[in-house]
Amino acid sequence: MKNETKIKIFLVDDDALFLKSLEIEFLENADFIVETYSTGELCIANIENNPDVVILDYQLDGIVANAMNGIETLDKIKAYNPDIPVIMLSSQDKIEVAINCMHHKAVDYVVKSETAFVRLQKIITAVFKYQKMEKELNWYMDRM
């Protein structure tokens, strides 16, 4: 993680109100560095800033008609660095959408709601606990 304790999060959503409210939640309730982007293209243009986690909207077509959707953006993030955890967000509560996201290597899928921030925080905590355990296991295995 960057800055020793701070997790850098990219928030990518074309819904300006939801994006801003999520940004405020992350900045007020936890120790995060937050970068926000309204399109997948802007996210990819800044991917060299190496986020620790990306929270990505599934649709992303509200601002620019021919913009990359969330799945296309997810694929480009994974092509850049397959180890960046990506959590997909959507207002669609459909199992097919969630499964599609998992097939494209998203770590989880969250439906936009009043509890989305709490779910996102829990997922991020779990992802980093798992990564820490994996590093410790690798360290141990290297010494055997």
N, C-alpha and C. Protein backbone atom coordinates (compact mmCIF):
# COMPACT_ATOMS: atom_id res chain seq x y z
N MET A 1 0.84 -1.18 0.00
CA MET A 1 0.00 0.00 0.00
C MET A 1 0.87 1.24 0.00
N LYS A 2 0.36 2.29 -0.56
CA LYS A 2 1.10 3.53 -0.64
C LYS A 2 0.94 4.32 0.66
N ASN A 3 1.88 5.24 0.91
CA ASN A 3 1.86 6.11 2.09
C ASN A 3 1.71 5.31 3.38
N GLU A 4 2.28 4.11 3.42
CA GLU A 4 2.30 3.26 4.60
C GLU A 4 0.92 2.82 5.09
N THR A 5 -0.01 3.76 5.35
CA THR A 5 -1.30 3.36 5.91
C THR A 5 -2.47 3.72 5.02
N LYS A 6 -2.29 4.62 4.09
CA LYS A 6 -3.42 5.06 3.27
C LYS A 6 -3.58 4.18 2.04
N ILE A 7 -4.82 3.84 1.77
CA ILE A 7 -5.17 3.06 0.58
C ILE A 7 -5.63 4.03 -0.49
N LYS A 8 -5.04 3.91 -1.69
CA LYS A 8 -5.45 4.79 -2.79
C LYS A 8 -6.60 4.12 -3.55
N ILE A 9 -7.71 4.83 -3.62
CA ILE A 9 -8.91 4.32 -4.28
C ILE A 9 -9.22 5.18 -5.50
N PHE A 10 -9.51 4.52 -6.61
CA PHE A 10 -10.10 5.19 -7.77
C PHE A 10 -11.60 4.93 -7.70
N LEU A 11 -12.40 5.98 -7.71
CA LEU A 11 -13.85 5.87 -7.82
C LEU A 11 -14.21 6.28 -9.23
N VAL A 12 -14.90 5.40 -9.97
CA VAL A 12 -15.23 5.68 -11.37
C VAL A 12 -16.73 5.49 -11.55
N ASP A 13 -17.43 6.62 -11.79
CA ASP A 13 -18.87 6.57 -11.96
C ASP A 13 -19.32 7.80 -12.73
N ASP A 14 -20.27 7.61 -13.64
CA ASP A 14 -20.78 8.73 -14.44
C ASP A 14 -21.93 9.46 -13.76
N ASP A 15 -22.39 8.95 -12.63
CA ASP A 15 -23.43 9.62 -11.84
C ASP A 15 -22.72 10.55 -10.86
N ALA A 16 -22.69 11.85 -11.20
CA ALA A 16 -21.90 12.82 -10.44
C ALA A 16 -22.32 12.88 -8.97
N LEU A 17 -23.62 12.81 -8.70
CA LEU A 17 -24.10 12.89 -7.32
C LEU A 17 -23.66 11.66 -6.52
N PHE A 18 -23.81 10.47 -7.09
CA PHE A 18 -23.40 9.26 -6.40
C PHE A 18 -21.88 9.26 -6.20
N LEU A 19 -21.14 9.68 -7.23
CA LEU A 19 -19.68 9.72 -7.16
C LEU A 19 -19.23 10.63 -6.03
N LYS A 20 -19.81 11.81 -5.95
CA LYS A 20 -19.43 12.77 -4.91
C LYS A 20 -19.80 12.26 -3.52
N SER A 21 -20.97 11.66 -3.38
CA SER A 21 -21.37 11.15 -2.06
C SER A 21 -20.46 10.01 -1.62
N LEU A 22 -20.06 9.15 -2.55
CA LEU A 22 -19.15 8.06 -2.23
C LEU A 22 -17.77 8.62 -1.84
N GLU A 23 -17.31 9.61 -2.58
CA GLU A 23 -16.03 10.25 -2.26
C GLU A 23 -16.06 10.83 -0.85
N ILE A 24 -17.12 11.54 -0.52
CA ILE A 24 -17.25 12.14 0.81
C ILE A 24 -17.24 11.06 1.89
N GLU A 25 -17.99 9.97 1.66
CA GLU A 25 -18.02 8.86 2.62
C GLU A 25 -16.62 8.30 2.87
N PHE A 26 -15.87 8.05 1.80
CA PHE A 26 -14.53 7.49 1.96
C PHE A 26 -13.59 8.46 2.65
N LEU A 27 -13.67 9.74 2.32
CA LEU A 27 -12.78 10.71 2.93
C LEU A 27 -13.11 10.98 4.39
N GLU A 28 -14.39 10.91 4.75
CA GLU A 28 -14.80 11.20 6.13
C GLU A 28 -14.69 10.01 7.06
N ASN A 29 -14.82 8.81 6.56
CA ASN A 29 -14.95 7.65 7.42
C ASN A 29 -13.75 6.70 7.44
N ALA A 30 -12.75 6.98 6.67
CA ALA A 30 -11.60 6.08 6.65
C ALA A 30 -10.38 6.82 6.13
N ASP A 31 -9.25 6.15 6.22
CA ASP A 31 -7.98 6.77 5.84
C ASP A 31 -7.61 6.38 4.40
N PHE A 32 -8.23 7.06 3.44
CA PHE A 32 -8.03 6.76 2.03
C PHE A 32 -7.52 7.98 1.26
N ILE A 33 -6.81 7.70 0.20
CA ILE A 33 -6.53 8.71 -0.83
C ILE A 33 -7.52 8.40 -1.93
N VAL A 34 -8.31 9.37 -2.36
CA VAL A 34 -9.38 9.13 -3.32
C VAL A 34 -9.17 9.96 -4.57
N GLU A 35 -9.21 9.28 -5.72
CA GLU A 35 -9.23 9.95 -7.02
C GLU A 35 -10.54 9.56 -7.69
N THR A 36 -11.25 10.56 -8.24
CA THR A 36 -12.54 10.28 -8.87
C THR A 36 -12.47 10.55 -10.37
N TYR A 37 -13.18 9.71 -11.11
CA TYR A 37 -13.23 9.83 -12.57
C TYR A 37 -14.66 9.56 -13.05
N SER A 38 -15.10 10.35 -14.01
CA SER A 38 -16.47 10.22 -14.51
C SER A 38 -16.58 9.30 -15.72
N THR A 39 -15.45 8.88 -16.27
CA THR A 39 -15.47 7.95 -17.41
C THR A 39 -14.37 6.90 -17.24
N GLY A 40 -14.55 5.77 -17.90
CA GLY A 40 -13.52 4.75 -17.92
C GLY A 40 -12.26 5.24 -18.61
N GLU A 41 -12.44 6.07 -19.62
CA GLU A 41 -11.29 6.60 -20.35
C GLU A 41 -10.39 7.42 -19.43
N LEU A 42 -11.00 8.26 -18.57
CA LEU A 42 -10.21 9.06 -17.63
C LEU A 42 -9.51 8.17 -16.60
N CYS A 43 -10.19 7.14 -16.17
CA CYS A 43 -9.58 6.19 -15.24
C CYS A 43 -8.34 5.56 -15.87
N ILE A 44 -8.48 5.06 -17.07
CA ILE A 44 -7.36 4.40 -17.76
C ILE A 44 -6.23 5.39 -18.04
N ALA A 45 -6.57 6.63 -18.37
CA ALA A 45 -5.55 7.65 -18.63
C ALA A 45 -4.71 7.94 -17.38
N ASN A 46 -5.26 7.63 -16.20
CA ASN A 46 -4.55 7.91 -14.95
C ASN A 46 -4.14 6.64 -14.19
N ILE A 47 -4.25 5.49 -14.85
CA ILE A 47 -3.99 4.21 -14.18
C ILE A 47 -2.54 4.10 -13.70
N GLU A 48 -1.63 4.86 -14.31
CA GLU A 48 -0.23 4.83 -13.87
C GLU A 48 -0.07 5.42 -12.46
N ASN A 49 -1.11 6.03 -11.91
CA ASN A 49 -1.09 6.50 -10.52
C ASN A 49 -1.22 5.32 -9.55
N ASN A 50 -1.35 4.13 -10.09
CA ASN A 50 -1.34 2.86 -9.35
C ASN A 50 -2.27 2.83 -8.13
N PRO A 51 -3.56 2.74 -8.40
CA PRO A 51 -4.49 2.62 -7.27
C PRO A 51 -4.33 1.28 -6.57
N ASP A 52 -4.66 1.27 -5.28
CA ASP A 52 -4.67 0.02 -4.53
C ASP A 52 -5.95 -0.75 -4.82
N VAL A 53 -7.01 -0.02 -5.14
CA VAL A 53 -8.30 -0.64 -5.46
C VAL A 53 -9.09 0.33 -6.35
N VAL A 54 -9.89 -0.24 -7.25
CA VAL A 54 -10.76 0.56 -8.13
C VAL A 54 -12.20 0.15 -7.86
N ILE A 55 -13.05 1.16 -7.64
CA ILE A 55 -14.48 0.94 -7.51
C ILE A 55 -15.10 1.50 -8.79
N LEU A 56 -15.70 0.63 -9.58
CA LEU A 56 -16.03 0.92 -10.97
C LEU A 56 -17.50 0.68 -11.28
N ASP A 57 -18.16 1.69 -11.84
CA ASP A 57 -19.55 1.57 -12.26
C ASP A 57 -19.65 0.63 -13.46
N TYR A 58 -20.71 -0.13 -13.51
CA TYR A 58 -20.92 -1.11 -14.58
C TYR A 58 -21.29 -0.43 -15.91
N GLN A 59 -22.13 0.60 -15.87
CA GLN A 59 -22.65 1.20 -17.11
C GLN A 59 -21.71 2.22 -17.74
N LEU A 60 -21.47 3.34 -17.07
CA LEU A 60 -20.56 4.40 -17.52
C LEU A 60 -20.95 5.04 -18.86
N ASP A 61 -22.22 5.10 -19.19
CA ASP A 61 -22.59 5.71 -20.48
C ASP A 61 -23.47 6.95 -20.31
N GLY A 62 -23.50 7.53 -19.12
CA GLY A 62 -24.38 8.66 -18.85
C GLY A 62 -23.85 9.99 -19.32
N ILE A 63 -22.54 10.13 -19.56
CA ILE A 63 -21.96 11.41 -19.95
C ILE A 63 -21.63 11.42 -21.43
N VAL A 64 -20.93 10.40 -21.88
CA VAL A 64 -20.51 10.29 -23.28
C VAL A 64 -21.19 9.05 -23.87
N ALA A 65 -21.94 9.25 -24.94
CA ALA A 65 -22.74 8.16 -25.52
C ALA A 65 -21.91 6.93 -25.88
N ASN A 66 -20.74 7.12 -26.47
CA ASN A 66 -19.93 5.98 -26.90
C ASN A 66 -18.78 5.69 -25.94
N ALA A 67 -18.94 6.05 -24.69
CA ALA A 67 -17.89 5.83 -23.69
C ALA A 67 -17.71 4.34 -23.43
N MET A 68 -16.51 3.99 -22.96
CA MET A 68 -16.27 2.60 -22.54
C MET A 68 -17.22 2.28 -21.40
N ASN A 69 -17.72 1.06 -21.41
CA ASN A 69 -18.55 0.65 -20.27
C ASN A 69 -17.64 0.10 -19.18
N GLY A 70 -18.24 -0.31 -18.07
CA GLY A 70 -17.46 -0.79 -16.94
C GLY A 70 -16.66 -2.04 -17.24
N ILE A 71 -17.24 -2.95 -18.01
CA ILE A 71 -16.54 -4.20 -18.34
C ILE A 71 -15.32 -3.92 -19.21
N GLU A 72 -15.47 -3.05 -20.19
CA GLU A 72 -14.32 -2.68 -21.04
C GLU A 72 -13.22 -2.02 -20.20
N THR A 73 -13.63 -1.16 -19.29
CA THR A 73 -12.67 -0.50 -18.40
C THR A 73 -12.00 -1.52 -17.50
N LEU A 74 -12.78 -2.43 -16.94
CA LEU A 74 -12.24 -3.50 -16.10
C LEU A 74 -11.19 -4.31 -16.86
N ASP A 75 -11.49 -4.67 -18.09
CA ASP A 75 -10.54 -5.44 -18.90
C ASP A 75 -9.24 -4.68 -19.12
N LYS A 76 -9.33 -3.37 -19.35
CA LYS A 76 -8.11 -2.56 -19.55
C LYS A 76 -7.31 -2.43 -18.26
N ILE A 77 -8.00 -2.30 -17.13
CA ILE A 77 -7.30 -2.24 -15.84
C ILE A 77 -6.55 -3.55 -15.62
N LYS A 78 -7.22 -4.67 -15.85
CA LYS A 78 -6.60 -5.98 -15.64
C LYS A 78 -5.46 -6.23 -16.63
N ALA A 79 -5.56 -5.68 -17.84
CA ALA A 79 -4.47 -5.81 -18.81
C ALA A 79 -3.25 -5.00 -18.33
N TYR A 80 -3.49 -3.86 -17.71
CA TYR A 80 -2.41 -3.02 -17.19
C TYR A 80 -1.75 -3.70 -15.98
N ASN A 81 -2.59 -4.16 -15.04
CA ASN A 81 -2.07 -4.83 -13.84
C ASN A 81 -3.15 -5.76 -13.30
N PRO A 82 -2.99 -7.05 -13.51
CA PRO A 82 -4.04 -8.00 -13.07
C PRO A 82 -4.20 -8.06 -11.56
N ASP A 83 -3.26 -7.50 -10.80
CA ASP A 83 -3.34 -7.55 -9.34
C ASP A 83 -4.14 -6.41 -8.72
N ILE A 84 -4.56 -5.43 -9.50
CA ILE A 84 -5.38 -4.34 -8.95
C ILE A 84 -6.78 -4.88 -8.70
N PRO A 85 -7.23 -4.87 -7.44
CA PRO A 85 -8.59 -5.33 -7.16
C PRO A 85 -9.61 -4.32 -7.69
N VAL A 86 -10.61 -4.83 -8.40
CA VAL A 86 -11.67 -3.97 -8.93
C VAL A 86 -13.01 -4.47 -8.39
N ILE A 87 -13.74 -3.54 -7.77
CA ILE A 87 -15.08 -3.83 -7.26
C ILE A 87 -16.07 -3.14 -8.17
N MET A 88 -16.99 -3.89 -8.72
CA MET A 88 -17.98 -3.33 -9.64
C MET A 88 -19.20 -2.84 -8.87
N LEU A 89 -19.73 -1.72 -9.33
CA LEU A 89 -20.95 -1.12 -8.78
C LEU A 89 -21.99 -1.04 -9.86
N SER A 90 -23.24 -1.25 -9.51
CA SER A 90 -24.31 -1.08 -10.49
C SER A 90 -25.63 -0.87 -9.79
N SER A 91 -26.52 -0.19 -10.46
CA SER A 91 -27.89 -0.07 -9.95
C SER A 91 -28.70 -1.30 -10.32
N GLN A 92 -28.13 -2.17 -11.16
CA GLN A 92 -28.81 -3.40 -11.59
C GLN A 92 -28.61 -4.50 -10.55
N ASP A 93 -29.70 -5.05 -10.08
CA ASP A 93 -29.65 -6.14 -9.11
C ASP A 93 -29.95 -7.45 -9.84
N LYS A 94 -29.09 -7.77 -10.81
CA LYS A 94 -29.28 -8.97 -11.62
C LYS A 94 -28.09 -9.89 -11.47
N ILE A 95 -28.36 -11.15 -11.22
CA ILE A 95 -27.29 -12.13 -11.03
C ILE A 95 -26.42 -12.26 -12.28
N GLU A 96 -27.03 -12.10 -13.46
CA GLU A 96 -26.26 -12.23 -14.71
C GLU A 96 -25.19 -11.14 -14.80
N VAL A 97 -25.52 -9.94 -14.34
CA VAL A 97 -24.56 -8.83 -14.37
C VAL A 97 -23.40 -9.13 -13.41
N ALA A 98 -23.73 -9.59 -12.21
CA ALA A 98 -22.70 -9.92 -11.23
C ALA A 98 -21.79 -11.04 -11.75
N ILE A 99 -22.37 -12.06 -12.34
CA ILE A 99 -21.58 -13.17 -12.88
C ILE A 99 -20.67 -12.69 -14.01
N ASN A 100 -21.19 -11.83 -14.88
CA ASN A 100 -20.38 -11.27 -15.95
C ASN A 100 -19.17 -10.53 -15.39
N CYS A 101 -19.38 -9.76 -14.34
CA CYS A 101 -18.28 -9.01 -13.71
C CYS A 101 -17.23 -9.97 -13.15
N MET A 102 -17.68 -11.04 -12.52
CA MET A 102 -16.74 -12.02 -11.95
C MET A 102 -15.94 -12.73 -13.05
N HIS A 103 -16.60 -13.00 -14.18
CA HIS A 103 -15.89 -13.62 -15.31
C HIS A 103 -14.78 -12.73 -15.83
N HIS A 104 -14.94 -11.43 -15.67
CA HIS A 104 -13.92 -10.47 -16.12
C HIS A 104 -12.95 -10.12 -15.00
N LYS A 105 -12.98 -10.90 -13.92
CA LYS A 105 -12.02 -10.83 -12.81
C LYS A 105 -12.23 -9.67 -11.84
N ALA A 106 -13.47 -9.21 -11.71
CA ALA A 106 -13.78 -8.28 -10.62
C ALA A 106 -13.73 -9.07 -9.32
N VAL A 107 -13.33 -8.44 -8.21
CA VAL A 107 -13.28 -9.16 -6.94
C VAL A 107 -14.65 -9.26 -6.28
N ASP A 108 -15.54 -8.31 -6.61
CA ASP A 108 -16.88 -8.36 -6.04
C ASP A 108 -17.80 -7.43 -6.83
N TYR A 109 -19.07 -7.51 -6.49
CA TYR A 109 -20.12 -6.74 -7.17
C TYR A 109 -21.04 -6.18 -6.10
N VAL A 110 -21.27 -4.86 -6.14
CA VAL A 110 -22.11 -4.21 -5.14
C VAL A 110 -23.23 -3.46 -5.86
N VAL A 111 -24.45 -3.66 -5.38
CA VAL A 111 -25.60 -2.93 -5.93
C VAL A 111 -25.65 -1.56 -5.25
N LYS A 112 -25.82 -0.51 -6.07
CA LYS A 112 -25.91 0.84 -5.52
C LYS A 112 -27.14 0.95 -4.63
N SER A 113 -26.90 1.35 -3.39
CA SER A 113 -27.99 1.51 -2.42
C SER A 113 -27.46 2.35 -1.27
N GLU A 114 -28.30 2.54 -0.27
CA GLU A 114 -27.87 3.31 0.89
C GLU A 114 -26.83 2.56 1.72
N THR A 115 -26.69 1.26 1.51
CA THR A 115 -25.69 0.47 2.25
C THR A 115 -24.44 0.18 1.41
N ALA A 116 -24.34 0.74 0.23
CA ALA A 116 -23.21 0.44 -0.67
C ALA A 116 -21.87 0.79 -0.02
N PHE A 117 -21.78 1.93 0.65
CA PHE A 117 -20.50 2.33 1.24
C PHE A 117 -20.04 1.32 2.29
N VAL A 118 -20.94 0.88 3.15
CA VAL A 118 -20.59 -0.09 4.19
C VAL A 118 -20.12 -1.39 3.56
N ARG A 119 -20.81 -1.85 2.54
CA ARG A 119 -20.39 -3.08 1.84
C ARG A 119 -19.02 -2.91 1.21
N LEU A 120 -18.80 -1.76 0.57
CA LEU A 120 -17.51 -1.50 -0.07
C LEU A 120 -16.38 -1.50 0.96
N GLN A 121 -16.61 -0.87 2.10
CA GLN A 121 -15.59 -0.86 3.15
C GLN A 121 -15.25 -2.28 3.61
N LYS A 122 -16.27 -3.11 3.78
CA LYS A 122 -16.04 -4.49 4.22
C LYS A 122 -15.26 -5.28 3.17
N ILE A 123 -15.60 -5.08 1.91
CA ILE A 123 -14.90 -5.79 0.83
C ILE A 123 -13.45 -5.36 0.77
N ILE A 124 -13.19 -4.05 0.86
CA ILE A 124 -11.81 -3.53 0.81
C ILE A 124 -11.00 -4.10 1.98
N THR A 125 -11.58 -4.11 3.16
CA THR A 125 -10.90 -4.67 4.33
C THR A 125 -10.56 -6.14 4.08
N ALA A 126 -11.50 -6.90 3.57
CA ALA A 126 -11.27 -8.32 3.29
C ALA A 126 -10.18 -8.51 2.24
N VAL A 127 -10.18 -7.71 1.19
CA VAL A 127 -9.18 -7.82 0.13
C VAL A 127 -7.78 -7.60 0.70
N PHE A 128 -7.62 -6.58 1.54
CA PHE A 128 -6.28 -6.29 2.05
C PHE A 128 -5.85 -7.26 3.14
N LYS A 129 -6.78 -7.82 3.90
CA LYS A 129 -6.43 -8.87 4.85
C LYS A 129 -5.94 -10.10 4.09
N TYR A 130 -6.64 -10.45 3.01
CA TYR A 130 -6.24 -11.60 2.21
C TYR A 130 -4.86 -11.37 1.60
N GLN A 131 -4.62 -10.17 1.05
CA GLN A 131 -3.31 -9.88 0.44
C GLN A 131 -2.20 -9.96 1.48
N LYS A 132 -2.46 -9.48 2.70
CA LYS A 132 -1.46 -9.55 3.76
C LYS A 132 -1.17 -11.00 4.13
N MET A 133 -2.21 -11.81 4.24
CA MET A 133 -2.03 -13.22 4.56
C MET A 133 -1.24 -13.92 3.46
N GLU A 134 -1.54 -13.58 2.22
CA GLU A 134 -0.84 -14.19 1.09
C GLU A 134 0.64 -13.83 1.11
N LYS A 135 0.98 -12.57 1.41
CA LYS A 135 2.38 -12.14 1.50
C LYS A 135 3.09 -12.87 2.63
N GLU A 136 2.43 -12.99 3.77
CA GLU A 136 3.04 -13.69 4.90
C GLU A 136 3.27 -15.16 4.58
N LEU A 137 2.31 -15.78 3.92
CA LEU A 137 2.47 -17.18 3.53
C LEU A 137 3.63 -17.33 2.55
N ASN A 138 3.72 -16.44 1.56
CA ASN A 138 4.83 -16.49 0.60
C ASN A 138 6.17 -16.30 1.30
N TRP A 139 6.23 -15.37 2.26
CA TRP A 139 7.46 -15.14 3.01
C TRP A 139 7.85 -16.42 3.75
N TYR A 140 6.88 -17.04 4.39
CA TYR A 140 7.13 -18.27 5.13
C TYR A 140 7.60 -19.39 4.19
N MET A 141 6.91 -19.54 3.07
CA MET A 141 7.25 -20.61 2.12
C MET A 141 8.63 -20.41 1.53
N ASP A 142 9.05 -19.17 1.34
CA ASP A 142 10.40 -18.89 0.81
C ASP A 142 11.50 -19.30 1.78
N ARG A 143 11.19 -19.37 3.05
CA ARG A 143 12.17 -19.70 4.05
C ARG A 143 12.22 -21.19 4.39
N MET A 144 11.35 -21.96 3.81
CA MET A 144 11.34 -23.41 4.08
C MET A 144 12.34 -24.14 3.23
